[in-house]
Protein backbone atom coordinates (compact mmCIF):
# COMPACT_ATOMS: atom_id res chain seq x y z
CA MET A 1 119.75 129.56 75.75
CA LEU A 2 123.08 127.73 76.23
CA LYS A 3 124.25 130.28 78.84
CA PHE A 4 125.48 127.66 81.31
CA VAL A 5 129.13 128.47 80.57
CA ASP A 6 128.74 132.11 81.66
CA LEU A 7 125.92 131.85 84.21
CA LYS A 8 126.38 129.93 87.44
CA LYS A 9 123.72 127.67 88.90
CA GLU A 10 121.48 129.49 91.37
CA SER A 11 118.66 128.09 93.46
CA PRO A 12 116.07 130.16 95.34
CA LEU A 13 117.57 131.24 98.65
CA LYS A 14 116.77 129.19 101.72
CA ARG A 15 115.34 130.98 104.70
CA ASP A 16 117.82 131.39 107.54
CA THR A 17 118.12 128.18 109.57
CA SER A 18 117.50 129.92 112.90
CA LYS A 19 114.16 131.21 111.57
CA ARG A 20 112.95 128.25 109.53
CA ARG A 21 113.40 125.71 112.33
CA LYS A 22 110.87 127.72 114.39
CA ASP A 23 107.95 127.38 111.98
CA PHE A 24 106.41 125.07 109.40
CA ASN A 25 106.57 127.45 106.43
CA GLU A 26 108.31 126.35 103.23
CA ILE A 27 112.05 126.83 103.53
CA TYR A 28 112.76 128.22 100.06
CA ASP A 29 112.03 131.78 98.97
CA GLU A 30 110.42 132.23 95.56
CA PHE A 31 112.37 132.83 92.36
CA ILE A 32 111.84 136.33 91.01
CA ASN A 33 110.93 136.54 87.32
CA THR A 34 114.37 137.69 86.13
CA LYS A 35 116.13 134.87 87.99
CA ALA A 36 113.69 132.24 86.68
CA LYS A 37 114.33 133.42 83.10
CA GLU A 38 118.07 133.57 83.71
CA GLN A 39 118.34 130.09 85.22
CA SER A 40 116.11 128.59 82.51
CA SER A 41 118.42 130.06 79.88
CA ARG A 42 121.22 127.83 81.21
CA CYS A 43 119.56 124.77 79.65
CA SER A 44 121.77 123.32 76.91
CA GLN A 45 118.74 122.07 74.89
CA CYS A 46 120.71 118.88 74.37
CA GLY A 47 119.79 116.43 71.62
CA VAL A 48 118.98 113.67 74.09
CA PRO A 49 117.25 115.30 77.09
CA PHE A 50 118.27 113.02 79.97
CA CYS A 51 116.23 115.18 82.34
CA GLN A 52 113.10 114.16 80.44
CA ILE A 53 114.16 110.53 80.10
CA HIS A 54 114.72 110.23 83.86
CA CYS A 55 111.40 111.86 84.74
CA PRO A 56 108.70 109.21 85.32
CA LEU A 57 106.16 111.50 83.63
CA SER A 58 108.49 112.27 80.67
CA ASN A 59 107.86 115.98 81.27
CA ASN A 60 108.87 118.17 78.32
CA ILE A 61 111.43 119.96 80.48
CA PRO A 62 113.65 121.55 77.78
CA ASP A 63 110.54 123.01 76.09
CA TRP A 64 109.14 124.73 79.16
CA LEU A 65 112.61 125.93 80.20
CA LYS A 66 113.00 127.57 76.77
CA LEU A 67 109.56 129.20 77.02
CA THR A 68 110.39 130.48 80.52
CA ALA A 69 113.68 131.93 79.30
CA GLU A 70 111.72 133.77 76.60
CA GLY A 71 109.22 135.12 79.15
CA ARG A 72 106.34 133.05 77.71
CA LEU A 73 105.19 131.77 81.08
CA GLN A 74 101.59 130.91 80.21
CA GLU A 75 102.77 128.71 77.36
CA ALA A 76 105.40 127.21 79.66
CA TYR A 77 102.66 126.29 82.11
CA GLU A 78 100.52 124.73 79.35
CA VAL A 79 103.44 122.52 78.35
CA ALA A 80 104.21 121.58 81.98
CA GLN A 81 100.62 120.64 82.84
CA SER A 82 100.11 118.65 79.63
CA THR A 83 102.10 115.75 81.12
CA ASN A 84 101.70 116.43 84.85
CA ASN A 85 98.48 116.86 86.84
CA MET A 86 100.28 118.47 89.77
CA PRO A 87 103.39 120.35 88.59
CA GLU A 88 103.30 122.67 91.62
CA VAL A 89 103.48 119.60 93.90
CA CYS A 90 106.27 117.85 91.97
CA GLY A 91 108.26 121.09 91.80
CA ARG A 92 108.24 121.13 95.59
CA ILE A 93 108.65 117.50 96.68
CA CYS A 94 110.17 115.47 93.85
CA PRO A 95 113.74 114.30 94.60
CA GLN A 96 115.08 116.20 91.59
CA ASP A 97 118.64 115.43 92.70
CA ARG A 98 117.93 111.75 91.91
CA LEU A 99 115.76 112.30 88.82
CA CYS A 100 115.77 115.22 86.34
CA GLU A 101 118.44 117.48 87.87
CA GLY A 102 120.71 114.58 88.80
CA ASN A 103 120.79 113.52 85.14
CA CYS A 104 121.11 116.99 83.60
CA VAL A 105 123.84 116.99 80.92
CA ILE A 106 125.47 120.22 82.12
CA GLU A 107 125.49 118.81 85.67
CA GLN A 108 127.43 115.82 84.37
CA SER A 109 129.86 118.17 82.57
CA GLY A 110 130.61 120.03 85.81
CA HIS A 111 128.70 123.26 85.22
CA GLY A 112 125.95 122.66 87.79
CA THR A 113 122.46 121.49 86.94
CA VAL A 114 119.60 123.64 85.74
CA THR A 115 117.35 124.18 88.79
CA ILE A 116 114.43 122.39 87.14
CA GLY A 117 112.26 121.85 90.22
CA SER A 118 112.40 125.49 91.31
CA VAL A 119 111.50 126.71 87.81
CA GLU A 120 108.60 124.22 87.61
CA LYS A 121 107.29 125.52 90.95
CA TYR A 122 107.70 129.14 89.78
CA ILE A 123 105.84 128.54 86.51
CA THR A 124 102.87 126.88 88.20
CA ASP A 125 102.64 129.28 91.14
CA THR A 126 102.62 132.13 88.62
CA ALA A 127 99.84 130.39 86.68
CA TRP A 128 97.69 130.15 89.84
CA GLU A 129 98.44 133.77 90.74
CA LYS A 130 97.54 135.03 87.26
CA GLY A 131 94.32 133.00 87.10
CA TRP A 132 95.41 130.90 84.14
CA ILE A 133 94.36 127.66 85.88
CA LYS A 134 90.61 127.14 85.56
CA PRO A 135 88.16 124.25 86.11
CA LEU A 136 87.79 121.79 83.27
CA LYS A 137 85.21 122.53 80.59
CA VAL A 138 83.82 119.19 79.54
CA LYS A 139 82.67 119.28 75.91
CA LYS A 140 80.51 116.17 76.07
CA GLU A 141 79.14 114.56 79.22
CA LEU A 142 79.16 110.74 79.19
CA LYS A 143 76.83 108.56 81.23
CA GLN A 144 79.43 106.00 82.25
CA SER A 145 80.80 106.42 85.78
CA ILE A 146 84.03 105.46 87.47
CA GLY A 147 84.51 104.93 91.19
CA ILE A 148 88.01 105.65 92.43
CA ILE A 149 89.06 104.34 95.84
CA GLY A 150 91.70 106.65 97.28
CA ALA A 151 92.10 110.43 96.97
CA GLY A 152 95.89 110.42 96.84
CA PRO A 153 97.99 111.47 93.83
CA ALA A 154 97.22 108.35 91.74
CA GLY A 155 93.46 108.61 92.30
CA LEU A 156 93.38 112.38 91.73
CA ALA A 157 95.41 112.17 88.50
CA CYS A 158 93.27 109.35 87.13
CA GLY A 159 90.06 111.17 88.08
CA GLU A 160 91.14 114.36 86.33
CA GLU A 161 92.12 112.58 83.12
CA LEU A 162 88.81 110.67 82.98
CA ARG A 163 86.84 113.83 83.73
CA LYS A 164 88.54 115.57 80.78
CA SER A 165 86.93 112.92 78.57
CA GLY A 166 83.50 113.57 80.07
CA TYR A 167 83.14 110.55 82.37
CA GLN A 168 81.30 110.82 85.70
CA VAL A 169 83.93 110.40 88.42
CA THR A 170 83.42 109.74 92.13
CA ILE A 171 86.45 109.52 94.42
CA TYR A 172 86.01 107.69 97.73
CA ASP A 173 88.45 108.24 100.58
CA ARG A 174 88.73 107.08 104.20
CA TYR A 175 89.95 110.46 105.47
CA ASP A 176 88.04 113.70 106.02
CA ARG A 177 90.07 115.63 103.42
CA PRO A 178 91.19 114.61 99.92
CA GLY A 179 94.90 114.45 99.16
CA GLY A 180 96.06 111.31 100.95
CA LEU A 181 99.77 111.42 101.70
CA LEU A 182 99.96 114.96 100.28
CA ILE A 183 97.65 116.36 102.95
CA TYR A 184 98.51 114.25 106.03
CA GLY A 185 101.91 112.65 105.36
CA ILE A 186 104.10 115.48 104.03
CA PRO A 187 104.91 118.39 106.37
CA ASN A 188 104.12 122.01 105.52
CA PHE A 189 107.78 123.02 105.25
CA LYS A 190 107.93 120.84 102.11
CA LEU A 191 104.36 121.20 100.87
CA GLU A 192 102.05 123.83 102.32
CA LYS A 193 98.51 122.51 102.52
CA PHE A 194 96.88 125.33 100.55
CA VAL A 195 98.76 123.95 97.52
CA VAL A 196 96.90 120.64 97.82
CA GLU A 197 93.57 122.20 98.82
CA ARG A 198 93.39 124.55 95.82
CA ARG A 199 94.14 121.62 93.49
CA THR A 200 91.40 119.41 94.98
CA LYS A 201 88.98 122.37 94.91
CA LEU A 202 89.73 122.73 91.20
CA LEU A 203 88.80 119.09 90.66
CA LYS A 204 85.56 119.54 92.62
CA ASP A 205 84.75 122.61 90.51
CA SER A 206 85.44 120.47 87.43
CA GLY A 207 82.61 118.11 88.36
CA ILE A 208 84.45 115.36 90.22
CA LYS A 209 82.49 114.14 93.23
CA PHE A 210 84.36 113.43 96.48
CA VAL A 211 82.99 111.14 99.19
CA GLN A 212 85.05 111.53 102.38
CA ASN A 213 85.09 109.41 105.56
CA PHE A 214 84.21 106.42 103.39
CA GLU A 215 85.72 103.02 104.11
CA VAL A 216 85.30 100.26 101.56
CA GLY A 217 84.22 97.18 103.46
CA LYS A 218 82.36 99.21 106.08
CA ASN A 219 80.24 101.75 104.20
CA LYS A 220 80.04 99.56 101.11
CA THR A 221 81.86 96.44 99.96
CA LEU A 222 83.89 96.39 96.77
CA SER A 223 81.14 94.31 95.18
CA GLN A 224 78.52 96.95 96.01
CA LEU A 225 80.72 99.70 94.57
CA ARG A 226 81.12 97.70 91.37
CA GLU A 227 77.32 97.62 91.04
CA SER A 228 77.22 101.44 91.34
CA HIS A 229 79.87 102.15 88.68
CA ASP A 230 80.90 101.00 85.22
CA SER A 231 84.51 100.67 86.36
CA ILE A 232 86.55 100.89 89.57
CA LEU A 233 90.11 102.04 90.26
CA ILE A 234 91.84 100.98 93.48
CA ALA A 235 94.44 103.62 94.39
CA THR A 236 94.64 103.35 98.17
CA GLY A 237 98.40 103.66 98.53
CA VAL A 238 100.26 101.74 101.26
CA TYR A 239 100.03 102.90 104.85
CA LYS A 240 100.77 99.88 107.07
CA PRO A 241 104.10 100.58 108.84
CA LYS A 242 106.90 98.04 108.72
CA GLU A 243 107.71 96.87 112.22
CA ILE A 244 110.95 96.57 114.17
CA LYS A 245 110.93 93.14 115.77
CA VAL A 246 113.19 93.70 118.77
CA PRO A 247 112.66 93.34 122.55
CA GLY A 248 110.71 96.24 124.07
CA GLN A 249 108.84 97.10 120.88
CA ASP A 250 105.55 97.26 122.82
CA LEU A 251 106.71 99.95 125.26
CA LYS A 252 104.80 103.24 125.28
CA ASN A 253 105.99 106.30 123.34
CA ILE A 254 107.12 104.27 120.31
CA PHE A 255 105.10 105.36 117.27
CA PRO A 256 104.96 104.78 113.50
CA ALA A 257 106.06 107.73 111.35
CA MET A 258 102.64 108.35 109.78
CA GLU A 259 100.95 108.56 113.16
CA PHE A 260 103.44 111.24 114.24
CA LEU A 261 103.25 113.18 110.96
CA THR A 262 99.46 112.98 110.68
CA ALA A 263 99.04 114.40 114.18
CA SER A 264 101.36 117.29 113.33
CA ASN A 265 99.68 118.01 109.99
CA ARG A 266 96.19 117.84 111.50
CA LYS A 267 97.27 120.31 114.18
CA GLY A 268 98.59 122.61 111.47
CA LEU A 269 95.23 122.39 109.70
CA GLY A 270 93.47 123.52 112.87
CA ASP A 271 92.05 120.17 114.01
CA ASP A 272 91.71 119.06 117.63
CA VAL A 273 94.28 116.30 118.06
CA GLU A 274 94.02 114.75 121.52
CA LEU A 275 97.31 112.84 121.43
CA PHE A 276 99.15 115.97 120.32
CA ASP A 277 97.41 118.28 122.79
CA ASN A 278 98.14 116.00 125.75
CA GLY A 279 101.81 115.86 124.74
CA THR A 280 101.97 112.22 123.63
CA LEU A 281 102.69 112.97 119.93
CA ASN A 282 104.30 116.36 120.55
CA ALA A 283 108.12 116.31 120.53
CA GLU A 284 108.49 119.53 122.54
CA GLY A 285 111.16 119.20 125.22
CA LYS A 286 111.84 115.55 124.40
CA ASN A 287 114.85 113.55 123.30
CA VAL A 288 113.64 112.10 120.00
CA VAL A 289 115.12 109.13 118.15
CA VAL A 290 113.95 108.46 114.58
CA ILE A 291 114.80 105.08 113.05
CA GLY A 292 115.14 105.00 109.24
CA GLY A 293 116.82 106.82 106.39
CA GLY A 294 114.19 107.59 103.74
CA ASP A 295 112.34 110.81 102.96
CA THR A 296 109.66 110.00 105.54
CA ALA A 297 112.33 109.73 108.22
CA MET A 298 113.65 113.15 107.15
CA ASP A 299 110.11 114.54 107.44
CA CYS A 300 109.96 113.17 111.00
CA VAL A 301 113.29 114.54 112.22
CA ARG A 302 112.63 117.98 110.73
CA THR A 303 109.11 118.03 112.20
CA ALA A 304 110.51 117.16 115.64
CA VAL A 305 112.97 120.06 115.37
CA ARG A 306 110.10 122.47 114.66
CA GLN A 307 108.14 121.10 117.59
CA LYS A 308 111.05 122.25 119.80
CA ALA A 309 112.45 118.84 120.68
CA LYS A 310 115.32 118.88 123.17
CA SER A 311 117.40 116.72 120.82
CA VAL A 312 116.76 114.86 117.57
CA LYS A 313 118.83 111.86 116.51
CA CYS A 314 118.43 109.68 113.41
CA LEU A 315 119.60 106.07 113.50
CA TYR A 316 120.35 104.59 110.09
CA ARG A 317 121.93 101.21 109.40
CA ARG A 318 123.93 102.31 106.35
CA ASP A 319 126.12 105.36 105.74
CA GLN A 320 125.15 108.70 104.22
CA GLU A 321 126.23 107.62 100.75
CA ASN A 322 123.80 104.68 100.82
CA MET A 323 120.74 106.47 102.16
CA PRO A 324 117.56 105.82 100.12
CA GLY A 325 116.15 109.33 100.54
CA SER A 326 116.96 112.65 98.91
CA ALA A 327 120.48 113.96 99.63
CA ARG A 328 118.99 117.45 99.65
CA GLU A 329 116.61 116.53 102.50
CA VAL A 330 119.47 115.04 104.54
CA LYS A 331 121.46 118.24 104.07
CA ASN A 332 118.48 120.34 105.19
CA ALA A 333 118.08 118.17 108.30
CA ILE A 334 121.76 118.49 109.21
CA GLU A 335 121.56 122.28 108.79
CA GLU A 336 118.58 122.33 111.16
CA GLY A 337 120.46 120.53 113.93
CA VAL A 338 119.57 116.85 113.48
CA GLU A 339 122.30 114.45 114.62
CA PHE A 340 122.77 111.45 112.33
CA ILE A 341 124.17 108.26 113.84
CA TRP A 342 125.23 106.37 110.75
CA LEU A 343 125.87 102.63 110.57
CA SER A 344 123.63 101.89 113.56
CA SER A 345 120.64 99.62 114.10
CA PRO A 346 118.31 99.20 117.12
CA LYS A 347 118.89 96.07 119.20
CA SER A 348 116.21 96.69 121.85
CA PHE A 349 114.07 99.34 123.51
CA LEU A 350 114.60 99.71 127.26
CA GLY A 351 112.24 100.96 129.94
CA GLU A 352 109.55 99.73 132.34
CA ASN A 353 106.32 101.06 130.86
CA GLU A 354 107.65 103.82 128.61
CA VAL A 355 110.74 103.72 126.45
CA LYS A 356 113.73 105.35 128.18
CA GLU A 357 116.65 104.16 126.08
CA VAL A 358 117.39 102.71 122.67
CA GLU A 359 120.07 100.05 122.71
CA ALA A 360 121.74 99.88 119.31
CA ASN A 361 124.46 97.97 117.48
CA LYS A 362 127.11 99.41 115.22
CA ILE A 363 126.97 98.13 111.65
CA ILE A 364 129.61 97.27 109.08
CA LEU A 365 128.81 97.22 105.35
CA GLY A 366 129.56 94.15 103.28
CA GLU A 367 129.10 93.33 99.63
CA PRO A 368 126.23 94.95 97.65
CA ASP A 369 122.86 93.16 97.85
CA SER A 370 120.23 92.77 95.11
CA SER A 371 119.35 96.49 95.38
CA GLY A 372 122.94 97.46 94.61
CA ARG A 373 123.52 98.89 98.10
CA LYS A 374 126.06 97.39 100.50
CA LYS A 375 124.55 94.81 102.82
CA PRO A 376 124.62 95.75 106.52
CA ALA A 377 125.97 93.32 109.15
CA ILE A 378 126.08 93.73 112.94
CA LYS A 379 129.50 94.42 114.45
CA SER A 380 129.85 92.13 117.46
CA GLY A 381 130.35 93.75 120.86
CA SER A 382 129.49 97.20 119.55
CA GLU A 383 126.35 97.95 121.62
CA PHE A 384 125.65 101.49 122.80
CA LYS A 385 122.66 103.25 124.36
CA LEU A 386 120.77 106.46 123.61
CA SER A 387 118.46 108.19 126.09
CA THR A 388 115.06 108.91 124.59
CA ASP A 389 111.54 110.03 125.45
CA LEU A 390 110.02 109.40 122.02
CA VAL A 391 110.91 106.87 119.31
CA ILE A 392 109.55 107.21 115.78
CA LYS A 393 109.75 104.20 113.47
CA SER A 394 110.23 105.02 109.80
CA LEU A 395 111.22 101.81 108.07
CA GLY A 396 108.79 102.00 105.15
CA PHE A 397 105.27 100.82 104.45
CA ASP A 398 103.49 97.60 103.54
CA PRO A 399 100.07 97.21 101.90
CA GLU A 400 97.06 96.51 104.07
CA ASN A 401 95.10 93.29 103.55
CA LEU A 402 92.71 94.77 100.98
CA PRO A 403 90.82 91.55 100.10
CA LYS A 404 89.84 91.27 103.77
CA LEU A 405 89.23 95.02 104.29
CA PHE A 406 87.12 95.32 101.13
CA ASP A 407 85.22 92.08 101.84
CA ALA A 408 86.52 90.86 98.48
CA GLU A 409 88.53 87.71 99.13
CA GLU A 410 88.44 86.99 95.38
CA LEU A 411 90.76 89.97 94.68
CA SER A 412 94.22 88.62 93.77
CA ILE A 413 97.30 89.94 95.51
CA SER A 414 101.02 89.29 95.12
CA GLU A 415 103.31 87.60 97.63
CA TRP A 416 104.10 91.10 98.98
CA GLY A 417 100.42 91.90 99.51
CA THR A 418 100.24 94.40 96.64
CA ILE A 419 97.39 94.07 94.15
CA LYS A 420 98.13 91.91 91.10
CA ILE A 421 97.33 93.54 87.77
CA ASP A 422 97.82 92.77 84.11
CA LEU A 423 100.79 95.03 83.36
CA GLU A 424 99.41 96.05 79.97
CA SER A 425 95.75 96.71 80.83
CA MET A 426 96.31 97.55 84.54
CA GLN A 427 93.20 95.47 85.27
CA THR A 428 93.01 93.17 88.29
CA ASN A 429 91.61 89.65 88.10
CA LEU A 430 88.14 91.23 88.56
CA ASP A 431 86.45 92.50 85.41
CA GLY A 432 86.37 96.29 85.28
CA VAL A 433 88.45 96.72 88.44
CA PHE A 434 91.80 98.43 87.91
CA ALA A 435 94.62 99.35 90.32
CA ALA A 436 97.40 101.92 90.27
CA GLY A 437 100.03 103.63 92.39
CA ASP A 438 101.74 102.34 95.51
CA ILE A 439 99.15 99.61 96.08
CA VAL A 440 100.56 97.98 92.94
CA ARG A 441 104.25 98.98 92.90
CA GLY A 442 104.84 99.30 96.66
CA ALA A 443 105.82 102.49 98.50
CA SER A 444 107.27 104.88 95.94
CA LEU A 445 107.37 108.51 94.83
CA VAL A 446 104.44 110.87 94.27
CA VAL A 447 105.57 111.42 90.68
CA TRP A 448 105.26 107.66 90.00
CA ALA A 449 101.76 107.64 91.50
CA ILE A 450 100.72 110.47 89.15
CA LYS A 451 102.20 108.55 86.22
CA ASP A 452 100.34 105.37 87.21
CA GLY A 453 97.08 107.29 87.65
CA ARG A 454 97.37 108.80 84.17
CA ASP A 455 98.15 105.41 82.64
CA ALA A 456 95.19 103.83 84.45
CA ALA A 457 92.86 106.50 83.04
CA LEU A 458 93.89 105.53 79.50
CA GLN A 459 93.29 101.84 80.18
CA ILE A 460 89.92 102.46 81.88
CA GLU A 461 88.82 104.57 78.92
CA LYS A 462 89.78 101.78 76.50
CA TYR A 463 87.84 99.29 78.61
CA LEU A 464 84.73 101.49 78.75
CA GLU A 465 84.81 102.24 75.02
CA LYS A 466 85.02 98.51 74.29
CA LYS A 467 82.24 97.79 76.77
CA ASP A 468 80.06 100.52 75.21
CA LYS A 469 80.52 99.05 71.72
CA LYS A 470 79.45 95.64 72.98
CA THR A 471 76.34 97.18 74.50
CA ILE A 472 75.43 98.93 71.23
CA ILE A 473 75.93 95.71 69.19
CA ALA A 474 73.84 93.71 71.68
CA ALA A 475 71.05 96.31 71.51
């Protein structure tokens, strides 16, 4: 270890831009074993591991880096998976530049961070390849059952943790495949779908039951689900797109980001997608304008490039320094030919039936707001126009009206529409009903959803153990 002074930082090589922009394959080549060991050996094994502190899951990063450097990959995987239900997913899509790698001590000292995410991906992919990852072996089956609403990262993590303890777990989801955002929201070039599918297959083989194409409120109400299970977890995520309230917003060919990405991902999975096949949600040959600056916006611009768009422009109201998304993803997009129009905000959409132009204002940045970022203000007389055939809105997500959707008006929500929970027990105002992930904290990172799902599993287990004791005493 401690070789960071002599060894330079190296990441897995990116595929050539001219090739990668033509397909949806992941853009990074794999680490070879010698390079993974070598890069892991750069870890300083510092007394206060800021990489671990700044990881929402508190992953034992220095430990599995040391084991990798020593060639003890199976042990490294065991350590990695002990705190993370999907290390192969986090290794691919976590914004390491803002979390573990961005807070690495040797990065701060000017030697270049340890490439933590790439090593995590290498460890787990090796574990799958070698057959070290096997279905759970439950030592003692318990009769109590838990219904989980939502097969995204929070629901999957919670379900796995509860299944380890022997509980009967059923995961309900509105879509035809489990995975939520992982399967339909994130493009293949960041997360190939076989990675998600093999993980959900593992959970099925571990005894977790999945019920797809199930909508709470239509197939069964929340109340009816509560009668079928000893406890419920709501982990639906947030999918309702935030709107741009400007003139012309109702013109055709203006779409929310998730609608565009879902169509592309479904097509990649081999589905028939009418709106893609008839060209409506296909960017090929079109001038595309994406509005927004987060990771979802980057997914949209890079997807449009791969669909052979004529041009791809990204409008963002702040500058590059103040973008909310991963700096790495912005860099990848620029390399692939996306044009960023910084400090710009849409004023109106122009056209008769279909959008033909985006009229935008230039923006100047003022004092920092409550988020710490500089507050944007419109620069008077600065209007300009962009020709476009397709506009994609990526301004974030709001929660759906779950009390109404679930036919459960008694379910308490916050002023933002997220579900209210007791922060210690993670229980809602309804007995035995818990909530976790984005539906509680608002749109956030996959790694936070996994963390919330794991925490919810602990609280549900405490609740069920207490409930079981009461039953025994009463009997």
